[in-house]
């Protein structure tokens, strides 16, 4: 009889195969094919699947969809308008806004695009990138970093050219990025776990001590990285829950044994505590993970793809059927006017 260890190993083998052909399991709104009674997937729904969100001002939010390009709201989601003229790949995986007002979008097969006119027009910024799948974009101070299918890159804005940060991540898909106050970079990857690069060191170093789930399995698939004001690092995994490191990544501890779902899609830290988006809803802890409380009232789609904070205690969640907003961190309203879309084109034509 197949035991639980063998079953999980088999599941992870399937995940690896899926990552090699494009990581589409991450975009469909669930780790496995949806059952007939689940919400429609991103290819046949009337409201687009939102994979990326970014704040660009008090009431301005950009949403990146999987198959329908970029949308923008200037009224906290009450109405959305399609923007993104010039973006040749409508499959948006990441978004970020810089301090100078520029907005950057990372795509599935088209690389990075930038807008300097509040989303009206976009231009590619891909010189130096070896691969054009961009899963993560991060603004840190005056610098912009990209997590791609071939490691981590930094943009030299004066020359509009990307350069590899350092060696050690060749041919590795980077899903998440974070930078501590001392300039140390952390990369969450598919297959290699978490790696750290300290300034003036020789390259990326893999962090493994303590990154084991409640079944003793090492977590090598990282989806989210967040650093709090005390410089503690929080890592959200594909199917192993949430881990915390208080020593710069040297050691890790699971803080999600009581979390109902282990597929982590977003982590937000605010005055209310630690809020985590999963493949089956959003949960909050105020005691460092000992207990988790669901905060899903009004959230009619639990297949969360991305979660961000609004800066005033509010939240925005991108799901496989549009965007939801919470002003109190407890209850949600759908904010999808203008996000309606038809069938998305096949993603593989953009390879």
Protein backbone atom coordinates (compact mmCIF):
# COMPACT_ATOMS: atom_id res chain seq x y z
CA UNK A 1 0.00 0.00 0.00
CA UNK A 2 1.27 3.48 -0.86
CA UNK A 3 2.12 5.43 2.28
CA UNK A 4 1.71 9.18 2.83
CA UNK A 5 5.40 9.88 2.24
CA UNK A 6 5.29 8.17 -1.17
CA UNK A 7 2.09 9.98 -2.07
CA UNK A 8 3.60 13.37 -1.29
CA UNK A 9 6.75 12.53 -3.21
CA UNK A 10 4.56 11.62 -6.17
CA UNK A 11 2.66 14.87 -5.89
CA UNK A 12 5.89 16.85 -5.89
CA UNK A 13 7.15 14.97 -8.94
CA UNK A 14 4.01 16.05 -10.75
CA UNK A 15 4.65 19.63 -9.55
CA UNK A 16 8.16 19.58 -10.96
CA UNK A 17 6.90 18.40 -14.34
CA UNK A 18 4.28 21.12 -14.27
CA UNK A 19 6.89 23.75 -13.50
CA UNK A 20 9.04 22.63 -16.40
CA UNK A 21 6.21 23.17 -18.88
CA UNK A 22 5.32 26.58 -17.57
CA UNK A 23 4.03 26.39 -13.99
CA UNK A 24 0.43 26.60 -15.14
CA UNK A 25 -0.81 24.87 -11.98
CA UNK A 26 -0.03 28.12 -10.19
CA UNK A 27 -2.37 30.12 -12.40
CA UNK A 28 -5.45 27.92 -12.58
CA UNK A 29 -6.65 28.87 -9.10
CA UNK A 30 -5.99 25.48 -7.48
CA UNK A 31 -3.24 22.91 -7.09
CA UNK A 32 -5.31 20.28 -8.89
CA UNK A 33 -7.92 20.46 -11.69
CA UNK A 34 -11.13 22.11 -10.47
CA UNK A 35 -14.12 19.96 -9.68
CA UNK A 36 -17.28 20.56 -11.76
CA UNK A 37 -18.94 22.53 -8.94
CA UNK A 38 -16.01 24.91 -8.39
CA UNK A 39 -15.91 28.47 -9.76
CA UNK A 40 -14.98 28.64 -13.45
CA UNK A 41 -11.32 28.77 -14.34
CA UNK A 42 -9.49 31.69 -15.95
CA UNK A 43 -10.22 30.51 -19.49
CA UNK A 44 -14.01 30.41 -19.39
CA UNK A 45 -15.20 32.95 -16.84
CA UNK A 46 -16.89 36.32 -17.22
CA UNK A 47 -14.62 38.03 -14.66
CA UNK A 48 -10.91 37.76 -15.35
CA UNK A 49 -8.46 35.87 -13.16
CA UNK A 50 -6.21 38.34 -11.36
CA UNK A 51 -2.67 37.15 -10.66
CA UNK A 52 -0.95 40.39 -9.62
CA UNK A 53 -1.87 43.60 -7.78
CA UNK A 54 0.07 46.78 -7.02
CA UNK A 55 -0.78 50.02 -5.23
CA UNK A 56 0.35 53.20 -7.00
CA UNK A 57 -1.19 55.84 -4.78
CA UNK A 58 -3.87 56.15 -2.14
CA UNK A 59 -6.77 54.99 -4.32
CA UNK A 60 -4.92 53.73 -7.40
CA UNK A 61 -4.48 50.00 -7.94
CA UNK A 62 -3.19 48.06 -10.93
CA UNK A 63 -4.38 44.51 -11.57
CA UNK A 64 -2.58 42.01 -13.78
CA UNK A 65 -4.79 39.35 -15.28
CA UNK A 66 -3.98 35.95 -16.70
CA UNK A 67 -4.89 36.40 -20.33
CA UNK A 68 -6.50 39.83 -20.51
CA UNK A 69 -3.65 42.21 -19.76
CA UNK A 70 -3.56 45.05 -17.23
CA UNK A 71 -6.39 46.95 -15.55
CA UNK A 72 -6.33 50.10 -13.44
CA UNK A 73 -8.65 51.69 -10.90
CA UNK A 74 -8.45 55.19 -9.47
CA UNK A 75 -11.37 54.77 -7.06
CA UNK A 76 -10.34 51.78 -4.92
CA UNK A 77 -11.82 49.24 -7.29
CA UNK A 78 -15.25 50.79 -7.81
CA UNK A 79 -14.49 50.88 -11.54
CA UNK A 80 -11.67 49.40 -13.60
CA UNK A 81 -10.36 50.28 -17.04
CA UNK A 82 -8.18 48.20 -19.31
CA UNK A 83 -4.77 49.79 -19.75
CA UNK A 84 -1.57 48.30 -21.07
CA UNK A 85 -1.26 49.55 -24.60
CA UNK A 86 2.05 48.17 -25.82
CA UNK A 87 2.10 45.10 -23.59
CA UNK A 88 2.39 42.26 -26.09
CA UNK A 89 1.83 39.41 -23.63
CA UNK A 90 -1.58 39.57 -21.86
CA UNK A 91 -0.55 37.01 -19.22
CA UNK A 92 0.59 39.21 -16.32
CA UNK A 93 2.43 37.52 -13.45
CA UNK A 94 3.81 40.42 -11.39
CA UNK A 95 3.36 44.16 -10.86
CA UNK A 96 5.16 46.83 -8.86
CA UNK A 97 5.21 50.61 -8.65
CA UNK A 98 8.40 52.62 -8.18
CA UNK A 99 8.80 55.80 -6.15
CA UNK A 100 9.15 57.90 -9.31
CA UNK A 101 5.68 56.86 -10.47
CA UNK A 102 6.79 54.26 -12.99
CA UNK A 103 4.83 51.00 -13.01
CA UNK A 104 6.41 47.70 -14.05
CA UNK A 105 4.67 44.53 -15.22
CA UNK A 106 6.24 41.08 -15.46
CA UNK A 107 4.71 38.68 -17.96
CA UNK A 108 4.56 34.98 -18.73
CA UNK A 109 6.52 35.04 -21.99
CA UNK A 110 7.09 38.71 -22.86
CA UNK A 111 9.44 39.91 -20.13
CA UNK A 112 9.07 43.24 -18.33
CA UNK A 113 7.08 46.28 -19.46
CA UNK A 114 7.17 49.79 -18.00
CA UNK A 115 4.71 52.67 -17.99
CA UNK A 116 5.69 56.23 -17.14
CA UNK A 117 2.31 57.80 -17.98
CA UNK A 118 0.03 56.21 -15.37
CA UNK A 119 -0.62 53.09 -17.41
CA UNK A 120 -1.61 54.73 -20.68
CA UNK A 121 1.31 53.25 -22.62
CA UNK A 122 3.92 50.62 -21.95
CA UNK A 123 7.32 49.77 -23.39
CA UNK A 124 9.39 46.59 -23.03
CA UNK A 125 12.45 46.72 -20.77
CA UNK A 126 14.16 43.42 -21.53
CA UNK A 127 17.76 44.10 -22.51
CA UNK A 128 19.97 41.68 -20.61
CA UNK A 129 17.27 39.20 -19.62
CA UNK A 130 18.04 35.65 -20.67
CA UNK A 131 14.48 34.40 -20.16
CA UNK A 132 11.26 36.37 -20.35
CA UNK A 133 9.13 34.64 -17.70
CA UNK A 134 9.05 37.17 -14.86
CA UNK A 135 7.34 35.85 -11.73
CA UNK A 136 8.51 38.51 -9.28
CA UNK A 137 9.23 42.23 -9.37
CA UNK A 138 10.50 44.10 -6.31
CA UNK A 139 11.31 47.76 -5.71
CA UNK A 140 13.86 48.15 -2.91
CA UNK A 141 14.91 51.71 -2.31
CA UNK A 142 15.99 53.07 -5.68
CA UNK A 143 16.57 49.62 -7.17
CA UNK A 144 14.34 47.28 -9.14
CA UNK A 145 14.81 43.51 -9.07
CA UNK A 146 13.21 40.78 -11.17
CA UNK A 147 12.78 37.11 -10.37
CA UNK A 148 12.79 35.21 -13.66
CA UNK A 149 13.06 31.71 -15.09
CA UNK A 150 16.82 32.15 -14.94
CA UNK A 151 17.50 33.70 -11.55
CA UNK A 152 17.50 37.24 -10.17
CA UNK A 153 18.29 40.40 -12.14
CA UNK A 154 18.79 44.06 -11.22
CA UNK A 155 17.84 46.90 -13.57
CA UNK A 156 20.40 49.55 -14.41
CA UNK A 157 17.89 52.26 -15.16
CA UNK A 158 20.35 54.68 -16.70
CA UNK A 159 21.01 52.15 -19.44
CA UNK A 160 17.68 50.31 -19.22
CA UNK A 161 19.56 47.04 -19.02
CA UNK A 162 19.24 44.10 -16.64
CA UNK A 163 22.24 42.34 -15.13
CA UNK A 164 22.40 39.09 -13.18
CA UNK A 165 22.71 39.83 -9.46
CA UNK A 166 25.19 37.02 -8.86
CA UNK A 167 25.90 33.40 -9.68
CA UNK A 168 24.13 30.32 -8.35
CA UNK A 169 20.61 30.54 -9.75
CA UNK A 170 21.12 29.63 -13.38
CA UNK A 171 18.03 27.99 -14.90
CA UNK A 172 16.15 28.31 -11.60
CA UNK A 173 12.65 29.84 -11.58
CA UNK A 174 12.40 32.55 -8.91
CA UNK A 175 8.89 33.06 -7.54
CA UNK A 176 9.52 35.55 -4.74
CA UNK A 177 12.00 38.22 -3.68
CA UNK A 178 12.72 40.13 -0.47
CA UNK A 179 15.50 42.41 0.74
CA UNK A 180 16.42 43.12 4.37
CA UNK A 181 17.46 46.49 5.73
CA UNK A 182 21.16 45.60 5.43
CA UNK A 183 20.81 44.88 1.70
CA UNK A 184 20.72 41.08 1.94
CA UNK A 185 18.63 39.54 -0.83
CA UNK A 186 16.41 36.47 -0.47
CA UNK A 187 15.00 34.47 -3.36
CA UNK A 188 12.16 31.95 -3.12
CA UNK A 189 12.47 29.39 -5.88
CA UNK A 190 10.78 26.43 -7.48
CA UNK A 191 12.81 23.39 -6.54
CA UNK A 192 15.69 24.95 -4.61
CA UNK A 193 13.88 26.47 -1.64
CA UNK A 194 15.17 29.79 -0.28
CA UNK A 195 18.54 31.24 -1.19
CA UNK A 196 20.33 34.20 0.36
CA UNK A 197 22.85 36.63 -1.09
CA UNK A 198 24.75 38.90 1.26
CA UNK A 199 26.58 41.89 -0.09
CA UNK A 200 30.24 41.24 -0.87
CA UNK A 201 29.71 37.46 -0.69
CA UNK A 202 30.56 35.10 -3.52
CA UNK A 203 27.06 34.07 -4.54
CA UNK A 204 23.69 32.67 -3.51
CA UNK A 205 23.63 30.30 -0.52
CA UNK A 206 20.77 27.88 0.04
CA UNK A 207 18.90 28.08 3.36
CA UNK A 208 17.56 24.70 4.50
CA UNK A 209 17.76 24.33 8.27
CA UNK A 210 14.24 24.02 9.65
CA UNK A 211 12.37 24.31 6.34
CA UNK A 212 10.44 21.10 6.96
CA UNK A 213 6.70 20.67 7.14
CA UNK A 214 4.80 18.68 9.78
CA UNK A 215 5.50 15.48 7.81
CA UNK A 216 9.24 16.04 7.79
CA UNK A 217 9.40 16.98 4.11
CA UNK A 218 11.85 19.72 3.07
CA UNK A 219 10.04 22.63 1.45
CA UNK A 220 11.74 23.42 -1.85
CA UNK A 221 8.88 25.27 -3.56
CA UNK A 222 8.52 28.83 -2.25
CA UNK A 223 5.81 31.18 -3.46
CA UNK A 224 5.97 34.21 -1.10
CA UNK A 225 8.64 36.06 0.90
CA UNK A 226 7.99 38.97 3.27
CA UNK A 227 10.23 40.76 5.80
CA UNK A 228 8.73 42.64 8.75
CA UNK A 229 10.05 45.73 10.55
CA UNK A 230 11.97 43.54 13.00
CA UNK A 231 13.67 41.85 10.02
CA UNK A 232 11.97 38.52 10.62
CA UNK A 233 11.41 36.68 7.33
CA UNK A 234 8.16 34.92 6.46
CA UNK A 235 8.08 32.33 3.69
CA UNK A 236 4.93 30.96 2.10
CA UNK A 237 5.29 27.60 0.36
CA UNK A 238 3.37 25.84 -2.39
CA UNK A 239 1.98 23.11 -0.15
CA UNK A 240 3.80 23.25 3.19
CA UNK A 241 2.37 26.31 4.91
CA UNK A 242 4.21 29.30 6.39
CA UNK A 243 7.69 29.44 7.92
CA UNK A 244 9.40 32.18 9.94
CA UNK A 245 13.07 32.98 10.43
CA UNK A 246 14.28 35.39 13.10
CA UNK A 247 17.99 35.04 12.30
CA UNK A 248 18.36 36.13 8.71
CA UNK A 249 17.34 32.81 7.19
CA UNK A 250 19.82 30.59 9.05
CA UNK A 251 17.02 28.67 10.79
CA UNK A 252 13.29 28.38 10.13
CA UNK A 253 10.24 27.37 12.11
CA UNK A 254 6.80 26.38 10.84
CA UNK A 255 4.07 28.67 12.18
CA UNK A 256 1.10 27.21 10.32
CA UNK A 257 0.35 23.83 11.85
CA UNK A 258 -3.14 25.09 12.69
CA UNK A 259 -3.70 26.71 9.29
CA UNK A 260 -6.49 24.90 7.39
CA UNK A 261 -4.79 25.19 3.97
CA UNK A 262 -1.06 24.86 3.24
CA UNK A 263 -1.00 26.43 -0.26
CA UNK A 264 0.18 29.98 0.42
CA UNK A 265 -0.51 32.70 -2.16
CA UNK A 266 0.09 35.90 -0.21
CA UNK A 267 1.29 37.27 3.15
CA UNK A 268 0.50 40.71 4.56
CA UNK A 269 1.79 42.11 7.85
CA UNK A 270 -0.10 44.99 9.44
CA UNK A 271 -1.32 46.26 12.80
CA UNK A 272 -3.96 43.53 12.87
CA UNK A 273 -1.42 40.73 12.75
CA UNK A 274 -0.25 38.29 10.09
CA UNK A 275 -2.72 37.73 7.26
CA UNK A 276 -2.25 34.84 4.85
CA UNK A 277 -3.99 34.09 1.57
CA UNK A 278 -4.31 30.43 0.66
CA UNK A 279 -5.81 28.24 -2.03
CA UNK A 280 -8.95 28.07 0.08
CA UNK A 281 -9.50 31.46 1.68
CA UNK A 282 -7.77 34.05 3.86
CA UNK A 283 -6.73 33.59 7.49
CA UNK A 284 -5.31 35.78 10.24
CA UNK A 285 -3.19 35.09 13.30
CA UNK A 286 -2.47 37.46 16.18
CA UNK A 287 -0.40 34.99 18.22
CA UNK A 288 2.39 34.13 15.78
CA UNK A 289 0.61 31.18 14.24
CA UNK A 290 -0.71 29.30 17.26
CA UNK A 291 -4.26 29.96 16.12
CA UNK A 292 -5.65 31.05 12.75
CA UNK A 293 -8.99 32.76 12.24
CA UNK A 294 -10.76 32.76 8.85
CA UNK A 295 -11.52 36.25 7.52
CA UNK A 296 -13.61 35.32 4.51
CA UNK A 297 -16.97 37.02 5.06
CA UNK A 298 -18.20 38.26 1.67
CA UNK A 299 -15.40 36.50 -0.20
CA UNK A 300 -17.37 34.48 -2.74
CA UNK A 301 -14.26 33.10 -4.45
CA UNK A 302 -11.74 31.40 -2.15
CA UNK A 303 -9.17 30.59 -4.85
CA UNK A 304 -6.86 33.46 -3.91
CA UNK A 305 -4.01 34.28 -6.28
CA UNK A 306 -2.52 37.41 -4.70
CA UNK A 307 -3.00 39.52 -1.56
CA UNK A 308 -1.72 43.05 -0.88
CA UNK A 309 -2.21 45.67 1.83
CA UNK A 310 -3.57 49.10 1.00
CA UNK A 311 -1.43 50.92 3.57
CA UNK A 312 -4.33 51.97 5.78
CA UNK A 313 -5.23 48.57 7.20
CA UNK A 314 -7.25 47.56 4.16
CA UNK A 315 -6.60 44.67 1.80
CA UNK A 316 -7.05 43.74 -1.85
CA UNK A 317 -7.28 40.12 -2.96
CA UNK A 318 -6.94 38.91 -6.53
CA UNK A 319 -8.79 35.67 -7.19
CA UNK A 320 -9.56 33.36 -10.09
CA UNK A 321 -12.71 35.47 -10.54
CA UNK A 322 -11.71 39.09 -10.05
CA UNK A 323 -10.78 41.39 -7.17
CA UNK A 324 -12.17 41.77 -3.65
CA UNK A 325 -11.51 44.64 -1.24
CA UNK A 326 -11.59 44.68 2.54
CA UNK A 327 -11.53 47.94 4.49
CA UNK A 328 -11.46 46.35 7.94
CA UNK A 329 -9.46 43.17 7.30
CA UNK A 330 -12.47 41.02 8.16
CA UNK A 331 -15.19 41.47 5.54
CA UNK A 332 -14.93 41.68 1.77
CA UNK A 333 -16.77 43.21 -1.17
CA UNK A 334 -16.32 42.29 -4.82
CA UNK A 335 -14.93 45.19 -6.88
CA UNK A 336 -15.12 43.88 -10.42
CA UNK A 337 -16.87 46.48 -12.56
CA UNK A 338 -14.74 46.69 -15.69
CA UNK A 339 -12.90 43.42 -15.06
CA UNK A 340 -15.35 41.42 -17.14
CA UNK A 341 -13.62 39.45 -19.87
CA UNK A 342 -14.26 36.59 -22.24
CA UNK A 343 -12.17 33.54 -22.98
CA UNK A 344 -8.43 34.10 -22.68
CA UNK A 345 -6.10 33.06 -25.51
CA UNK A 346 -3.90 29.97 -25.05
CA UNK A 347 -0.79 31.01 -23.08
CA UNK A 348 1.68 28.83 -24.94
CA UNK A 349 1.41 30.86 -28.13
CA UNK A 350 3.46 33.51 -26.30
CA UNK A 351 6.53 31.32 -25.80
